[in-house]
Amino acid sequence: MEEQQNPLTYEIIKEAVAGEKWATEKVIAHYDSYIEELATVKERQPDGSMRTYVDEDMKQSIILKLLEKIPDFPLEEVERIAEGETDEGI
C-alpha cells in the first residue's frame, strides 16, 4: 500500500543514481516499510515474554548500504532493455 503512495519511477531512480538528494530520499521512503521489517527484532524478556521492536542501528545500517548501492544501479542496461522492448513493438 505504501509503495503506491510513493511510486518509484525511472526518472526518480535516474536522479538518485546521479546523486540528487530529493531522489535518494524518495528511494528510501519507498523502501521504508521493507527496511523496518528487515530491522525488526524479537527479543525474549527475563519474564519469558517476547518484545518486538525496530532496531534503529540496524535500520540505519540498511539505509546506508542502500545509499552506497544506488550509484551502482545499471541504468544503461535498463535503458537498453527499455529501448529493445519499444523497438519490438513497432
Protein backbone atom coordinates (compact mmCIF):
# COMPACT_ATOMS: atom_id res chain seq x y z
CA MET A 1 0.00 0.00 0.00
CA GLU A 2 2.75 2.43 0.93
CA GLU A 3 4.56 1.67 -2.34
CA GLN A 4 1.51 3.02 -4.19
CA GLN A 5 1.75 6.28 -2.25
CA ASN A 6 5.47 6.58 -3.07
CA PRO A 7 5.80 5.25 -6.64
CA LEU A 8 9.39 4.75 -7.71
CA THR A 9 9.65 5.91 -11.32
CA TYR A 10 12.52 5.56 -13.74
CA GLU A 11 13.13 9.31 -13.55
CA ILE A 12 13.44 9.20 -9.75
CA ILE A 13 15.90 6.29 -9.97
CA LYS A 14 17.89 8.10 -12.67
CA GLU A 15 18.14 11.23 -10.50
CA ALA A 16 19.06 9.16 -7.42
CA VAL A 17 21.89 7.50 -9.38
CA ALA A 18 23.03 10.99 -10.38
CA GLY A 19 23.21 11.91 -6.68
CA GLU A 20 20.15 14.13 -6.31
CA LYS A 21 19.26 14.31 -2.61
CA TRP A 22 15.50 14.61 -3.16
CA ALA A 23 15.53 11.46 -5.31
CA THR A 24 17.55 9.40 -2.83
CA GLU A 25 15.09 10.47 -0.12
CA LYS A 26 12.22 9.19 -2.32
CA VAL A 27 14.01 5.85 -2.81
CA ILE A 28 14.46 5.49 0.95
CA ALA A 29 10.83 6.47 1.56
CA HIS A 30 9.71 3.89 -0.99
CA TYR A 31 11.55 1.09 0.81
CA ASP A 32 10.98 2.34 4.38
CA SER A 33 8.39 -0.27 5.41
CA TYR A 34 10.53 -3.09 3.98
CA ILE A 35 13.63 -1.75 5.74
CA GLU A 36 11.71 -1.59 9.02
CA GLU A 37 10.58 -5.18 8.50
CA LEU A 38 14.19 -6.26 7.96
CA ALA A 39 15.32 -4.35 11.07
CA THR A 40 12.58 -5.74 13.32
CA VAL A 41 13.97 -7.82 16.17
CA LYS A 42 12.21 -10.21 18.54
CA GLU A 43 13.82 -10.43 21.94
CA ARG A 44 12.86 -12.70 24.82
CA GLN A 45 12.46 -10.80 28.08
CA PRO A 46 13.53 -12.15 31.50
CA ASP A 47 9.86 -12.88 32.33
CA GLY A 48 9.57 -15.08 29.21
CA SER A 49 7.56 -12.66 27.12
CA MET A 50 8.67 -11.55 23.66
CA ARG A 51 9.46 -7.93 22.86
CA THR A 52 9.33 -6.87 19.21
CA TYR A 53 10.95 -3.62 18.15
CA VAL A 54 12.73 -1.92 15.26
CA ASP A 55 16.47 -1.88 15.88
CA GLU A 56 17.29 1.68 14.83
CA ASP A 57 21.02 0.94 14.44
CA MET A 58 20.24 -1.95 12.10
CA LYS A 59 17.76 0.22 10.17
CA GLN A 60 20.38 2.93 9.68
CA SER A 61 22.93 0.32 8.56
CA ILE A 62 20.48 -0.98 5.93
CA ILE A 63 19.75 2.57 4.72
CA LEU A 64 23.47 3.31 4.46
CA LYS A 65 24.03 0.13 2.45
CA LEU A 66 21.16 1.14 0.12
CA LEU A 67 22.68 4.60 -0.30
CA GLU A 68 26.06 3.04 -1.15
CA LYS A 69 24.50 0.83 -3.83
CA ILE A 70 22.28 3.41 -5.57
CA PRO A 71 25.13 4.77 -7.76
CA ASP A 72 25.83 1.20 -8.95
CA PHE A 73 22.32 0.77 -10.40
CA PRO A 74 22.73 -0.40 -14.03
CA LEU A 75 20.90 2.43 -15.81
CA GLU A 76 22.48 1.65 -19.19
CA GLU A 77 21.24 -1.93 -19.07
CA VAL A 78 17.72 -0.82 -18.13
CA GLU A 79 17.72 1.73 -20.96
CA ARG A 80 18.85 -0.94 -23.46
CA ILE A 81 16.10 -3.27 -22.32
CA ALA A 82 13.50 -0.50 -22.49
CA GLU A 83 14.64 0.52 -25.99
CA GLY A 84 14.60 -3.09 -27.14
CA GLU A 85 11.06 -3.59 -25.90
CA THR A 86 9.95 -0.34 -27.55
CA ASP A 87 11.56 -1.27 -30.90
CA GLU A 88 9.97 -4.73 -30.91
CA GLY A 89 6.51 -3.20 -30.61
CA ILE A 90 6.94 -1.21 -33.85
